[in-house]
Amino acid sequence: MKKIEAIIRPERVDDVRQALKQIGCSGVTVYSASGHGVQRGVHQQWRGQEYVVDLLPKTVVMTVVPESDVREVVETIEAVARTGRMGDGKVFVTPVERAIRVRTGESEEAALLPSATPAPSV
């Protein structure tokens, strides 16, 4: 199993989520972040004064997938998130040692797939 974290432009998130859904990637976590990469922020001018905005808004899309799906997921994120401009983001792929679905106790790849056990009504 691999964890894929993509730091992308906030305006590309909905498109990335839809594309991941279309290829069968069922679980994603999305959260807001701020930071900068190589560009070190944006230089702007206001009333004759130059200033640097060095923490730019970004969004992190995270998912854990079986190793067999890594290539397709990464290629999908790359294709959909790319605008061709600086600041499109990065994709990180890291190993996952173990995964457990808390509700059912299913582990490893079974914890990543839709559960066969229906969720209790609340």
PDB file of N, CA and C in Angstrom:
ATOM      1  N   MET A   1       0.843  -1.172   0.000  1.00  0.00           N
ATOM      2  CA  MET A   1       0.000   0.000   0.000  1.00  0.00           C
ATOM      3  C   MET A   1       0.890   1.238   0.000  1.00  0.00           C
ATOM      4  N   LYS A   2       0.373   2.280  -0.628  1.00  0.00           N
ATOM      5  CA  LYS A   2       1.102   3.542  -0.705  1.00  0.00           C
ATOM      6  C   LYS A   2       0.165   4.692  -0.355  1.00  0.00           C
ATOM      7  N   LYS A   3       0.732   5.688   0.334  1.00  0.00           N
ATOM      8  CA  LYS A   3      -0.009   6.917   0.600  1.00  0.00           C
ATOM      9  C   LYS A   3       0.415   7.933  -0.440  1.00  0.00           C
ATOM     10  N   ILE A   4      -0.563   8.546  -1.080  1.00  0.00           N
ATOM     11  CA  ILE A   4      -0.305   9.558  -2.095  1.00  0.00           C
ATOM     12  C   ILE A   4      -0.839  10.877  -1.555  1.00  0.00           C
ATOM     13  N   GLU A   5       0.068  11.847  -1.432  1.00  0.00           N
ATOM     14  CA  GLU A   5      -0.317  13.179  -0.993  1.00  0.00           C
ATOM     15  C   GLU A   5       0.005  14.146  -2.114  1.00  0.00           C
ATOM     16  N   ALA A   6      -1.006  14.870  -2.559  1.00  0.00           N
ATOM     17  CA  ALA A   6      -0.821  15.847  -3.623  1.00  0.00           C
ATOM     18  C   ALA A   6      -1.111  17.230  -3.062  1.00  0.00           C
ATOM     19  N   ILE A   7      -0.147  18.112  -3.168  1.00  0.00           N
ATOM     20  CA  ILE A   7      -0.333  19.507  -2.763  1.00  0.00           C
ATOM     21  C   ILE A   7      -0.604  20.266  -4.048  1.00  0.00           C
ATOM     22  N   ILE A   8      -1.818  20.772  -4.181  1.00  0.00           N
ATOM     23  CA  ILE A   8      -2.252  21.359  -5.454  1.00  0.00           C
ATOM     24  C   ILE A   8      -2.919  22.712  -5.236  1.00  0.00           C
ATOM     25  N   ARG A   9      -3.207  23.379  -6.345  1.00  0.00           N
ATOM     26  CA  ARG A   9      -3.935  24.648  -6.308  1.00  0.00           C
ATOM     27  C   ARG A   9      -5.368  24.391  -5.820  1.00  0.00           C
ATOM     28  N   PRO A  10      -5.878  25.244  -4.936  1.00  0.00           N
ATOM     29  CA  PRO A  10      -7.236  25.046  -4.422  1.00  0.00           C
ATOM     30  C   PRO A  10      -8.300  24.975  -5.515  1.00  0.00           C
ATOM     31  N   GLU A  11      -8.112  25.704  -6.585  1.00  0.00           N
ATOM     32  CA  GLU A  11      -9.132  25.726  -7.649  1.00  0.00           C
ATOM     33  C   GLU A  11      -9.168  24.436  -8.472  1.00  0.00           C
ATOM     34  N   ARG A  12      -8.191  23.551  -8.300  1.00  0.00           N
ATOM     35  CA  ARG A  12      -8.151  22.291  -9.047  1.00  0.00           C
ATOM     36  C   ARG A  12      -8.708  21.113  -8.247  1.00  0.00           C
ATOM     37  N   VAL A  13      -9.058  21.331  -6.974  1.00  0.00           N
ATOM     38  CA  VAL A  13      -9.456  20.235  -6.083  1.00  0.00           C
ATOM     39  C   VAL A  13     -10.691  19.494  -6.565  1.00  0.00           C
ATOM     40  N   ASP A  14     -11.748  20.201  -6.913  1.00  0.00           N
ATOM     41  CA  ASP A  14     -12.981  19.525  -7.338  1.00  0.00           C
ATOM     42  C   ASP A  14     -12.753  18.656  -8.565  1.00  0.00           C
ATOM     43  N   ASP A  15     -11.970  19.162  -9.509  1.00  0.00           N
ATOM     44  CA  ASP A  15     -11.672  18.382 -10.712  1.00  0.00           C
ATOM     45  C   ASP A  15     -10.854  17.128 -10.375  1.00  0.00           C
ATOM     46  N   VAL A  16      -9.890  17.279  -9.474  1.00  0.00           N
ATOM     47  CA  VAL A  16      -9.068  16.131  -9.070  1.00  0.00           C
ATOM     48  C   VAL A  16      -9.939  15.101  -8.356  1.00  0.00           C
ATOM     49  N   ARG A  17     -10.793  15.537  -7.448  1.00  0.00           N
ATOM     50  CA  ARG A  17     -11.673  14.599  -6.727  1.00  0.00           C
ATOM     51  C   ARG A  17     -12.578  13.838  -7.687  1.00  0.00           C
ATOM     52  N   GLN A  18     -13.165  14.541  -8.657  1.00  0.00           N
ATOM     53  CA  GLN A  18     -14.038  13.881  -9.625  1.00  0.00           C
ATOM     54  C   GLN A  18     -13.267  12.873 -10.464  1.00  0.00           C
ATOM     55  N   ALA A  19     -12.056  13.234 -10.877  1.00  0.00           N
ATOM     56  CA  ALA A  19     -11.243  12.321 -11.690  1.00  0.00           C
ATOM     57  C   ALA A  19     -10.852  11.085 -10.890  1.00  0.00           C
ATOM     58  N   LEU A  20     -10.517  11.257  -9.618  1.00  0.00           N
ATOM     59  CA  LEU A  20     -10.171  10.106  -8.781  1.00  0.00           C
ATOM     60  C   LEU A  20     -11.381   9.207  -8.581  1.00  0.00           C
ATOM     61  N   LYS A  21     -12.535   9.807  -8.418  1.00  0.00           N
ATOM     62  CA  LYS A  21     -13.777   9.025  -8.276  1.00  0.00           C
ATOM     63  C   LYS A  21     -14.036   8.201  -9.536  1.00  0.00           C
ATOM     64  N   GLN A  22     -13.799   8.796 -10.706  1.00  0.00           N
ATOM     65  CA  GLN A  22     -14.038   8.106 -11.977  1.00  0.00           C
ATOM     66  C   GLN A  22     -13.121   6.900 -12.161  1.00  0.00           C
ATOM     67  N   ILE A  23     -11.915   6.939 -11.608  1.00  0.00           N
ATOM     68  CA  ILE A  23     -11.009   5.789 -11.773  1.00  0.00           C
ATOM     69  C   ILE A  23     -11.165   4.786 -10.630  1.00  0.00           C
ATOM     70  N   GLY A  24     -12.114   5.042  -9.727  1.00  0.00           N
ATOM     71  CA  GLY A  24     -12.404   4.078  -8.676  1.00  0.00           C
ATOM     72  C   GLY A  24     -11.652   4.279  -7.377  1.00  0.00           C
ATOM     73  N   CYS A  25     -11.039   5.422  -7.201  1.00  0.00           N
ATOM     74  CA  CYS A  25     -10.347   5.735  -5.951  1.00  0.00           C
ATOM     75  C   CYS A  25     -11.411   6.197  -4.960  1.00  0.00           C
ATOM     76  N   SER A  26     -11.758   5.308  -4.028  1.00  0.00           N
ATOM     77  CA  SER A  26     -12.946   5.549  -3.206  1.00  0.00           C
ATOM     78  C   SER A  26     -12.727   6.445  -2.001  1.00  0.00           C
ATOM     79  N   GLY A  27     -11.551   6.495  -1.438  1.00  0.00           N
ATOM     80  CA  GLY A  27     -11.355   7.275  -0.229  1.00  0.00           C
ATOM     81  C   GLY A  27     -10.318   8.360  -0.403  1.00  0.00           C
ATOM     82  N   VAL A  28     -10.701   9.599  -0.130  1.00  0.00           N
ATOM     83  CA  VAL A  28      -9.754  10.711  -0.171  1.00  0.00           C
ATOM     84  C   VAL A  28      -9.971  11.593   1.056  1.00  0.00           C
ATOM     85  N   THR A  29      -8.904  12.219   1.479  1.00  0.00           N
ATOM     86  CA  THR A  29      -8.965  13.232   2.532  1.00  0.00           C
ATOM     87  C   THR A  29      -8.447  14.516   1.909  1.00  0.00           C
ATOM     88  N   VAL A  30      -9.160  15.608   2.149  1.00  0.00           N
ATOM     89  CA  VAL A  30      -8.788  16.903   1.579  1.00  0.00           C
ATOM     90  C   VAL A  30      -8.700  17.915   2.716  1.00  0.00           C
ATOM     91  N   TYR A  31      -7.602  18.673   2.737  1.00  0.00           N
ATOM     92  CA  TYR A  31      -7.496  19.724   3.740  1.00  0.00           C
ATOM     93  C   TYR A  31      -6.715  20.910   3.184  1.00  0.00           C
ATOM     94  N   SER A  32      -6.958  22.066   3.773  1.00  0.00           N
ATOM     95  CA  SER A  32      -6.298  23.293   3.347  1.00  0.00           C
ATOM     96  C   SER A  32      -4.923  23.403   3.989  1.00  0.00           C
ATOM     97  N   ALA A  33      -4.025  24.017   3.262  1.00  0.00           N
ATOM     98  CA  ALA A  33      -2.669  24.231   3.756  1.00  0.00           C
ATOM     99  C   ALA A  33      -2.162  25.545   3.171  1.00  0.00           C
ATOM    100  N   SER A  34      -1.060  26.013   3.679  1.00  0.00           N
ATOM    101  CA  SER A  34      -0.410  27.169   3.071  1.00  0.00           C
ATOM    102  C   SER A  34       1.089  26.928   3.110  1.00  0.00           C
ATOM    103  N   GLY A  35       1.763  27.431   2.109  1.00  0.00           N
ATOM    104  CA  GLY A  35       3.201  27.229   2.039  1.00  0.00           C
ATOM    105  C   GLY A  35       3.747  27.738   0.720  1.00  0.00           C
ATOM    106  N   HIS A  36       4.982  27.373   0.449  1.00  0.00           N
ATOM    107  CA  HIS A  36       5.596  27.747  -0.823  1.00  0.00           C
ATOM    108  C   HIS A  36       6.600  26.693  -1.218  1.00  0.00           C
ATOM    109  N   GLY A  37       6.865  26.649  -2.487  1.00  0.00           N
ATOM    110  CA  GLY A  37       7.859  25.739  -3.023  1.00  0.00           C
ATOM    111  C   GLY A  37       9.036  26.531  -3.534  1.00  0.00           C
ATOM    112  N   VAL A  38       9.510  26.152  -4.685  1.00  0.00           N
ATOM    113  CA  VAL A  38      10.683  26.771  -5.287  1.00  0.00           C
ATOM    114  C   VAL A  38      10.474  28.259  -5.531  1.00  0.00           C
ATOM    115  N   GLN A  39       9.232  28.670  -5.838  1.00  0.00           N
ATOM    116  CA  GLN A  39       9.012  30.066  -6.207  1.00  0.00           C
ATOM    117  C   GLN A  39       9.144  31.014  -5.023  1.00  0.00           C
ATOM    118  N   ARG A  40       9.136  30.490  -3.805  1.00  0.00           N
ATOM    119  CA  ARG A  40       9.316  31.284  -2.589  1.00  0.00           C
ATOM    120  C   ARG A  40       8.245  32.360  -2.426  1.00  0.00           C
ATOM    121  N   GLY A  41       7.061  32.124  -2.903  1.00  0.00           N
ATOM    122  CA  GLY A  41       5.979  33.086  -2.743  1.00  0.00           C
ATOM    123  C   GLY A  41       5.823  33.985  -3.943  1.00  0.00           C
ATOM    124  N   VAL A  42       5.040  35.031  -3.763  1.00  0.00           N
ATOM    125  CA  VAL A  42       4.715  35.944  -4.850  1.00  0.00           C
ATOM    126  C   VAL A  42       5.110  37.361  -4.439  1.00  0.00           C
ATOM    127  N   HIS A  43       5.807  38.054  -5.323  1.00  0.00           N
ATOM    128  CA  HIS A  43       6.163  39.454  -5.085  1.00  0.00           C
ATOM    129  C   HIS A  43       5.044  40.313  -5.652  1.00  0.00           C
ATOM    130  N   GLN A  44       4.536  41.224  -4.827  1.00  0.00           N
ATOM    131  CA  GLN A  44       3.470  42.107  -5.282  1.00  0.00           C
ATOM    132  C   GLN A  44       3.778  43.529  -4.851  1.00  0.00           C
ATOM    133  N   GLN A  45       3.080  44.475  -5.480  1.00  0.00           N
ATOM    134  CA  GLN A  45       3.231  45.871  -5.097  1.00  0.00           C
ATOM    135  C   GLN A  45       1.887  46.418  -4.701  1.00  0.00           C
ATOM    136  N   TRP A  46       1.894  47.256  -3.663  1.00  0.00           N
ATOM    137  CA  TRP A  46       0.678  47.911  -3.236  1.00  0.00           C
ATOM    138  C   TRP A  46       1.050  49.290  -2.748  1.00  0.00           C
ATOM    139  N   ARG A  47       0.485  50.301  -3.373  1.00  0.00           N
ATOM    140  CA  ARG A  47       0.766  51.708  -3.046  1.00  0.00           C
ATOM    141  C   ARG A  47       2.264  52.009  -3.073  1.00  0.00           C
ATOM    142  N   GLY A  48       2.919  51.482  -4.088  1.00  0.00           N
ATOM    143  CA  GLY A  48       4.334  51.766  -4.282  1.00  0.00           C
ATOM    144  C   GLY A  48       5.290  50.946  -3.436  1.00  0.00           C
ATOM    145  N   GLN A  49       4.769  50.141  -2.550  1.00  0.00           N
ATOM    146  CA  GLN A  49       5.614  49.303  -1.705  1.00  0.00           C
ATOM    147  C   GLN A  49       5.584  47.867  -2.203  1.00  0.00           C
ATOM    148  N   GLU A  50       6.754  47.263  -2.313  1.00  0.00           N
ATOM    149  CA  GLU A  50       6.806  45.856  -2.708  1.00  0.00           C
ATOM    150  C   GLU A  50       6.763  44.994  -1.451  1.00  0.00           C
ATOM    151  N   TYR A  51       6.006  43.917  -1.529  1.00  0.00           N
ATOM    152  CA  TYR A  51       5.960  42.971  -0.422  1.00  0.00           C
ATOM    153  C   TYR A  51       5.859  41.567  -0.987  1.00  0.00           C
ATOM    154  N   VAL A  52       6.188  40.593  -0.142  1.00  0.00           N
ATOM    155  CA  VAL A  52       6.202  39.199  -0.561  1.00  0.00           C
ATOM    156  C   VAL A  52       5.141  38.437   0.215  1.00  0.00           C
ATOM    157  N   VAL A  53       4.279  37.741  -0.520  1.00  0.00           N
ATOM    158  CA  VAL A  53       3.336  36.813   0.096  1.00  0.00           C
ATOM    159  C   VAL A  53       4.011  35.454  -0.027  1.00  0.00           C
ATOM    160  N   ASP A  54       4.590  34.962   1.087  1.00  0.00           N
ATOM    161  CA  ASP A  54       5.391  33.744   0.972  1.00  0.00           C
ATOM    162  C   ASP A  54       4.676  32.488   1.449  1.00  0.00           C
ATOM    163  N   LEU A  55       3.478  32.624   1.977  1.00  0.00           N
ATOM    164  CA  LEU A  55       2.674  31.451   2.301  1.00  0.00           C
ATOM    165  C   LEU A  55       1.419  31.493   1.434  1.00  0.00           C
ATOM    166  N   LEU A  56       1.462  30.727   0.373  1.00  0.00           N
ATOM    167  CA  LEU A  56       0.368  30.718  -0.594  1.00  0.00           C
ATOM    168  C   LEU A  56      -0.650  29.647  -0.225  1.00  0.00           C
ATOM    169  N   PRO A  57      -1.941  29.903  -0.509  1.00  0.00           N
ATOM    170  CA  PRO A  57      -2.956  28.889  -0.208  1.00  0.00           C
ATOM    171  C   PRO A  57      -2.812  27.681  -1.126  1.00  0.00           C
ATOM    172  N   LYS A  58      -2.827  26.509  -0.528  1.00  0.00           N
ATOM    173  CA  LYS A  58      -2.757  25.239  -1.256  1.00  0.00           C
ATOM    174  C   LYS A  58      -3.772  24.290  -0.653  1.00  0.00           C
ATOM    175  N   THR A  59      -4.031  23.199  -1.333  1.00  0.00           N
ATOM    176  CA  THR A  59      -4.905  22.158  -0.812  1.00  0.00           C
ATOM    177  C   THR A  59      -4.182  20.831  -0.938  1.00  0.00           C
ATOM    178  N   VAL A  60      -4.308  20.010   0.098  1.00  0.00           N
ATOM    179  CA  VAL A  60      -3.686  18.694   0.096  1.00  0.00           C
ATOM    180  C   VAL A  60      -4.775  17.651  -0.125  1.00  0.00           C
ATOM    181  N   VAL A  61      -4.567  16.800  -1.106  1.00  0.00           N
ATOM    182  CA  VAL A  61      -5.459  15.678  -1.377  1.00  0.00           C
ATOM    183  C   VAL A  61      -4.651  14.425  -1.041  1.00  0.00           C
ATOM    184  N   MET A  62      -5.183  13.625  -0.112  1.00  0.00           N
ATOM    185  CA  MET A  62      -4.451  12.453   0.357  1.00  0.00           C
ATOM    186  C   MET A  62      -5.316  11.217   0.186  1.00  0.00           C
ATOM    187  N   THR A  63      -4.672  10.140  -0.250  1.00  0.00           N
ATOM    188  CA  THR A  63      -5.355   8.859  -0.376  1.00  0.00           C
ATOM    189  C   THR A  63      -4.346   7.742  -0.155  1.00  0.00           C
ATOM    190  N   VAL A  64      -4.837   6.582   0.235  1.00  0.00           N
ATOM    191  CA  VAL A  64      -3.998   5.392   0.369  1.00  0.00           C
ATOM    192  C   VAL A  64      -4.567   4.348  -0.582  1.00  0.00           C
ATOM    193  N   VAL A  65      -3.703   3.793  -1.417  1.00  0.00           N
ATOM    194  CA  VAL A  65      -4.151   2.851  -2.445  1.00  0.00           C
ATOM    195  C   VAL A  65      -3.238   1.627  -2.478  1.00  0.00           C
ATOM    196  N   PRO A  66      -3.749   0.519  -3.037  1.00  0.00           N
ATOM    197  CA  PRO A  66      -2.880  -0.644  -3.247  1.00  0.00           C
ATOM    198  C   PRO A  66      -1.768  -0.282  -4.238  1.00  0.00           C
ATOM    199  N   GLU A  67      -0.643  -0.952  -4.136  1.00  0.00           N
ATOM    200  CA  GLU A  67       0.493  -0.642  -5.017  1.00  0.00           C
ATOM    201  C   GLU A  67       0.132  -0.726  -6.491  1.00  0.00           C
ATOM    202  N   SER A  68      -0.789  -1.614  -6.830  1.00  0.00           N
ATOM    203  CA  SER A  68      -1.174  -1.784  -8.232  1.00  0.00           C
ATOM    204  C   SER A  68      -1.894  -0.550  -8.799  1.00  0.00           C
ATOM    205  N   ASP A  69      -2.420   0.309  -7.940  1.00  0.00           N
ATOM    206  CA  ASP A  69      -3.164   1.491  -8.398  1.00  0.00           C
ATOM    207  C   ASP A  69      -2.356   2.782  -8.371  1.00  0.00           C
ATOM    208  N   VAL A  70      -1.154   2.743  -7.838  1.00  0.00           N
ATOM    209  CA  VAL A  70      -0.368   3.964  -7.624  1.00  0.00           C
ATOM    210  C   VAL A  70      -0.147   4.730  -8.917  1.00  0.00           C
ATOM    211  N   ARG A  71       0.313   4.046  -9.929  1.00  0.00           N
ATOM    212  CA  ARG A  71       0.636   4.730 -11.193  1.00  0.00           C
ATOM    213  C   ARG A  71      -0.577   5.462 -11.760  1.00  0.00           C
ATOM    214  N   GLU A  72      -1.718   4.789 -11.820  1.00  0.00           N
ATOM    215  CA  GLU A  72      -2.928   5.400 -12.378  1.00  0.00           C
ATOM    216  C   GLU A  72      -3.372   6.608 -11.547  1.00  0.00           C
ATOM    217  N   VAL A  73      -3.333   6.495 -10.234  1.00  0.00           N
ATOM    218  CA  VAL A  73      -3.754   7.600  -9.368  1.00  0.00           C
ATOM    219  C   VAL A  73      -2.828   8.801  -9.540  1.00  0.00           C
ATOM    220  N   VAL A  74      -1.522   8.565  -9.521  1.00  0.00           N
ATOM    221  CA  VAL A  74      -0.562   9.660  -9.672  1.00  0.00           C
ATOM    222  C   VAL A  74      -0.700  10.322 -11.045  1.00  0.00           C
ATOM    223  N   GLU A  75      -0.821   9.524 -12.096  1.00  0.00           N
ATOM    224  CA  GLU A  75      -0.970  10.093 -13.442  1.00  0.00           C
ATOM    225  C   GLU A  75      -2.256  10.899 -13.561  1.00  0.00           C
ATOM    226  N   THR A  76      -3.326  10.438 -12.917  1.00  0.00           N
ATOM    227  CA  THR A  76      -4.597  11.166 -12.946  1.00  0.00           C
ATOM    228  C   THR A  76      -4.452  12.506 -12.247  1.00  0.00           C
ATOM    229  N   ILE A  77      -3.865  12.501 -11.069  1.00  0.00           N
ATOM    230  CA  ILE A  77      -3.677  13.760 -10.326  1.00  0.00           C
ATOM    231  C   ILE A  77      -2.821  14.724 -11.135  1.00  0.00           C
ATOM    232  N   GLU A  78      -1.721  14.221 -11.671  1.00  0.00           N
ATOM    233  CA  GLU A  78      -0.828  15.065 -12.477  1.00  0.00           C
ATOM    234  C   GLU A  78      -1.570  15.707 -13.647  1.00  0.00           C
ATOM    235  N   ALA A  79      -2.290  14.899 -14.391  1.00  0.00           N
ATOM    236  CA  ALA A  79      -2.968  15.391 -15.587  1.00  0.00           C
ATOM    237  C   ALA A  79      -4.045  16.422 -15.256  1.00  0.00           C
ATOM    238  N   VAL A  80      -4.793  16.183 -14.207  1.00  0.00           N
ATOM    239  CA  VAL A  80      -5.923  17.061 -13.886  1.00  0.00           C
ATOM    240  C   VAL A  80      -5.473  18.321 -13.148  1.00  0.00           C
ATOM    241  N   ALA A  81      -4.456  18.225 -12.302  1.00  0.00           N
ATOM    242  CA  ALA A  81      -4.012  19.378 -11.509  1.00  0.00           C
ATOM    243  C   ALA A  81      -3.088  20.309 -12.286  1.00  0.00           C
ATOM    244  N   ARG A  82      -2.514  19.837 -13.367  1.00  0.00           N
ATOM    245  CA  ARG A  82      -1.523  20.629 -14.108  1.00  0.00           C
ATOM    246  C   ARG A  82      -2.159  21.794 -14.853  1.00  0.00           C
ATOM    247  N   THR A  83      -1.602  22.997 -14.622  1.00  0.00           N
ATOM    248  CA  THR A  83      -1.988  24.168 -15.410  1.00  0.00           C
ATOM    249  C   THR A  83      -0.833  24.615 -16.289  1.00  0.00           C
ATOM    250  N   GLY A  84       0.382  24.126 -15.971  1.00  0.00           N
ATOM    251  CA  GLY A  84       1.558  24.524 -16.721  1.00  0.00           C
ATOM    252  C   GLY A  84       2.241  25.752 -16.143  1.00  0.00           C
ATOM    253  N   ARG A  85       1.708  26.285 -15.041  1.00  0.00           N
ATOM    254  CA  ARG A  85       2.300  27.470 -14.414  1.00  0.00           C
ATOM    255  C   ARG A  85       3.004  27.070 -13.118  1.00  0.00           C
ATOM    256  N   MET A  86       3.936  27.894 -12.708  1.00  0.00           N
ATOM    257  CA  MET A  86       4.625  27.656 -11.448  1.00  0.00           C
ATOM    258  C   MET A  86       3.597  27.635 -10.324  1.00  0.00           C
ATOM    259  N   GLY A  87       3.770  26.712  -9.383  1.00  0.00           N
ATOM    260  CA  GLY A  87       2.839  26.628  -8.263  1.00  0.00           C
ATOM    261  C   GLY A  87       1.776  25.569  -8.432  1.00  0.00           C
ATOM    262  N   ASP A  88       1.911  24.717  -9.464  1.00  0.00           N
ATOM    263  CA  ASP A  88       0.923  23.642  -9.660  1.00  0.00           C
ATOM    264  C   ASP A  88       0.971  22.616  -8.532  1.00  0.00           C
ATOM    265  N   GLY A  89       2.111  22.489  -7.849  1.00  0.00           N
ATOM    266  CA  GLY A  89       2.171  21.619  -6.681  1.00  0.00           C
ATOM    267  C   GLY A  89       3.129  20.468  -6.818  1.00  0.00           C
ATOM    268  N   LYS A  90       2.977  19.521  -5.898  1.00  0.00           N
ATOM    269  CA  LYS A  90       3.825  18.329  -5.849  1.00  0.00           C
ATOM    270  C   LYS A  90       2.966  17.131  -5.482  1.00  0.00           C
ATOM    271  N   VAL A  91       3.453  15.949  -5.858  1.00  0.00           N
ATOM    272  CA  VAL A  91       2.821  14.690  -5.467  1.00  0.00           C
ATOM    273  C   VAL A  91       3.890  13.864  -4.761  1.00  0.00           C
ATOM    274  N   PHE A  92       3.545  13.375  -3.568  1.00  0.00           N
ATOM    275  CA  PHE A  92       4.462  12.545  -2.790  1.00  0.00           C
ATOM    276  C   PHE A  92       3.847  11.165  -2.633  1.00  0.00           C
ATOM    277  N   VAL A  93       4.664  10.138  -2.829  1.00  0.00           N
ATOM    278  CA  VAL A  93       4.215   8.755  -2.674  1.00  0.00           C
ATOM    279  C   VAL A  93       5.103   8.126  -1.603  1.00  0.00           C
ATOM    280  N   THR A  94       4.455   7.620  -0.537  1.00  0.00           N
ATOM    281  CA  THR A  94       5.195   7.018   0.568  1.00  0.00           C
ATOM    282  C   THR A  94       4.591   5.667   0.922  1.00  0.00           C
ATOM    283  N   PRO A  95       5.398   4.759   1.452  1.00  0.00           N
ATOM    284  CA  PRO A  95       4.872   3.443   1.829  1.00  0.00           C
ATOM    285  C   PRO A  95       3.972   3.534   3.065  1.00  0.00           C
ATOM    286  N   VAL A  96       2.985   2.654   3.116  1.00  0.00           N
ATOM    287  CA  VAL A  96       2.104   2.529   4.275  1.00  0.00           C
ATOM    288  C   VAL A  96       2.329   1.140   4.847  1.00  0.00           C
ATOM    289  N   GLU A  97       2.696   1.090   6.080  1.00  0.00           N
ATOM    290  CA  GLU A  97       3.019  -0.180   6.712  1.00  0.00           C
ATOM    291  C   GLU A  97       1.772  -0.993   7.036  1.00  0.00           C
ATOM    292  N   ARG A  98       0.718  -0.304   7.481  1.00  0.00           N
ATOM    293  CA  ARG A  98      -0.481  -1.023   7.893  1.00  0.00           C
ATOM    294  C   ARG A  98      -1.688  -0.109   7.803  1.00  0.00           C
ATOM    295  N   ALA A  99      -2.844  -0.685   7.494  1.00  0.00           N
ATOM    296  CA  ALA A  99      -4.109   0.059   7.472  1.00  0.00           C
ATOM    297  C   ALA A  99      -5.167  -0.785   8.167  1.00  0.00           C
ATOM    298  N   ILE A 100      -5.973  -0.146   8.991  1.00  0.00           N
ATOM    299  CA  ILE A 100      -7.033  -0.844   9.721  1.00  0.00           C
ATOM    300  C   ILE A 100      -8.302   0.002   9.658  1.00  0.00           C
ATOM    301  N   ARG A 101      -9.416  -0.622   9.273  1.00  0.00           N
ATOM    302  CA  ARG A 101     -10.711   0.058   9.338  1.00  0.00           C
ATOM    303  C   ARG A 101     -11.189  -0.099  10.780  1.00  0.00           C
ATOM    304  N   VAL A 102     -11.335   0.996  11.489  1.00  0.00           N
ATOM    305  CA  VAL A 102     -11.660   0.973  12.911  1.00  0.00           C
ATOM    306  C   VAL A 102     -13.010   0.305  13.172  1.00  0.00           C
ATOM    307  N   ARG A 103     -14.009   0.612  12.358  1.00  0.00           N
ATOM    308  CA  ARG A 103     -15.356   0.098  12.590  1.00  0.00           C
ATOM    309  C   ARG A 103     -15.445  -1.415  12.544  1.00  0.00           C
ATOM    310  N   THR A 104     -14.764  -2.049  11.589  1.00  0.00           N
ATOM    311  CA  THR A 104     -14.921  -3.489  11.384  1.00  0.00           C
ATOM    312  C   THR A 104     -13.687  -4.303  11.767  1.00  0.00           C
ATOM    313  N   GLY A 105     -12.555  -3.644  11.917  1.00  0.00           N
ATOM    314  CA  GLY A 105     -11.318  -4.365  12.197  1.00  0.00           C
ATOM    315  C   GLY A 105     -10.653  -4.907  10.951  1.00  0.00           C
ATOM    316  N   GLU A 106     -11.231  -4.674   9.769  1.00  0.00           N
ATOM    317  CA  GLU A 106     -10.603  -5.127   8.517  1.00  0.00           C
ATOM    318  C   GLU A 106      -9.234  -4.466   8.414  1.00  0.00           C
ATOM    319  N   SER A 107      -8.281  -5.202   7.837  1.00  0.00           N
ATOM    320  CA  SER A 107      -6.947  -4.637   7.761  1.00  0.00           C
ATOM    321  C   SER A 107      -6.371  -4.788   6.360  1.00  0.00           C
ATOM    322  N   GLU A 108      -5.262  -4.119   6.188  1.00  0.00           N
ATOM    323  CA  GLU A 108      -4.510  -4.076   4.938  1.00  0.00           C
ATOM    324  C   GLU A 108      -5.401  -3.579   3.794  1.00  0.00           C
ATOM    325  N   GLU A 109      -5.323  -4.206   2.603  1.00  0.00           N
ATOM    326  CA  GLU A 109      -6.074  -3.703   1.457  1.00  0.00           C
ATOM    327  C   GLU A 109      -7.582  -3.789   1.653  1.00  0.00           C
ATOM    328  N   ALA A 110      -8.062  -4.730   2.459  1.00  0.00           N
ATOM    329  CA  ALA A 110      -9.500  -4.828   2.738  1.00  0.00           C
ATOM    330  C   ALA A 110     -10.003  -3.574   3.438  1.00  0.00           C
ATOM    331  N   ALA A 111      -9.134  -2.905   4.184  1.00  0.00           N
ATOM    332  CA  ALA A 111      -9.521  -1.671   4.876  1.00  0.00           C
ATOM    333  C   ALA A 111      -9.665  -0.503   3.904  1.00  0.00           C
ATOM    334  N   LEU A 112      -9.101  -0.619   2.713  1.00  0.00           N
ATOM    335  CA  LEU A 112      -9.156   0.459   1.732  1.00  0.00           C
ATOM    336  C   LEU A 112     -10.377   0.366   0.838  1.00  0.00           C
ATOM    337  N   LEU A 113     -10.911  -0.827   0.670  1.00  0.00           N
ATOM    338  CA  LEU A 113     -12.036  -1.057  -0.230  1.00  0.00           C
ATOM    339  C   LEU A 113     -13.358  -0.752   0.465  1.00  0.00           C
ATOM    340  N   PRO A 114     -14.416  -0.489  -0.312  1.00  0.00           N
ATOM    341  CA  PRO A 114     -15.717  -0.324   0.319  1.00  0.00           C
ATOM    342  C   PRO A 114     -16.035  -1.565   1.166  1.00  0.00           C
ATOM    343  N   SER A 115     -16.561  -1.344   2.349  1.00  0.00           N
ATOM    344  CA  SER A 115     -16.803  -2.430   3.296  1.00  0.00           C
ATOM    345  C   SER A 115     -17.945  -3.316   2.864  1.00  0.00           C
ATOM    346  N   ALA A 116     -17.771  -4.629   3.059  1.00  0.00           N
ATOM    347  CA  ALA A 116     -18.856  -5.585   2.791  1.00  0.00           C
ATOM    348  C   ALA A 116     -19.849  -5.601   3.933  1.00  0.00           C
ATOM    349  N   THR A 117     -19.414  -5.146   5.113  1.00  0.00           N
ATOM    350  CA  THR A 117     -20.267  -5.092   6.280  1.00  0.00           C
ATOM    351  C   THR A 117     -21.000  -3.760   6.307  1.00  0.00           C
ATOM    352  N   PRO A 118     -22.348  -3.763   6.299  1.00  0.00           N
ATOM    353  CA  PRO A 118     -23.047  -2.482   6.298  1.00  0.00           C
ATOM    354  C   PRO A 118     -22.810  -1.733   7.609  1.00  0.00           C
ATOM    355  N   ALA A 119     -22.766  -0.422   7.481  1.00  0.00           N
ATOM    356  CA  ALA A 119     -22.564   0.427   8.662  1.00  0.00           C
ATOM    357  C   ALA A 119     -23.851   0.442   9.478  1.00  0.00           C
ATOM    358  N   PRO A 120     -23.739   0.393  10.813  1.00  0.00           N
ATOM    359  CA  PRO A 120     -24.940   0.457  11.640  1.00  0.00           C
ATOM    360  C   PRO A 120     -25.610   1.816  11.521  1.00  0.00           C
ATOM    361  N   SER A 121     -26.945   1.838  11.621  1.00  0.00           N
ATOM    362  CA  SER A 121     -27.643   3.119  11.551  1.00  0.00           C
ATOM    363  C   SER A 121     -27.482   3.855  12.869  1.00  0.00           C
ATOM    364  N   VAL A 122     -27.401   5.136  12.734  1.00  0.00           N
ATOM    365  CA  VAL A 122     -27.193   5.966  13.918  1.00  0.00           C
ATOM    366  C   VAL A 122     -28.454   6.686  14.271  1.00  0.00           C
TER     367      VAL A 122
END
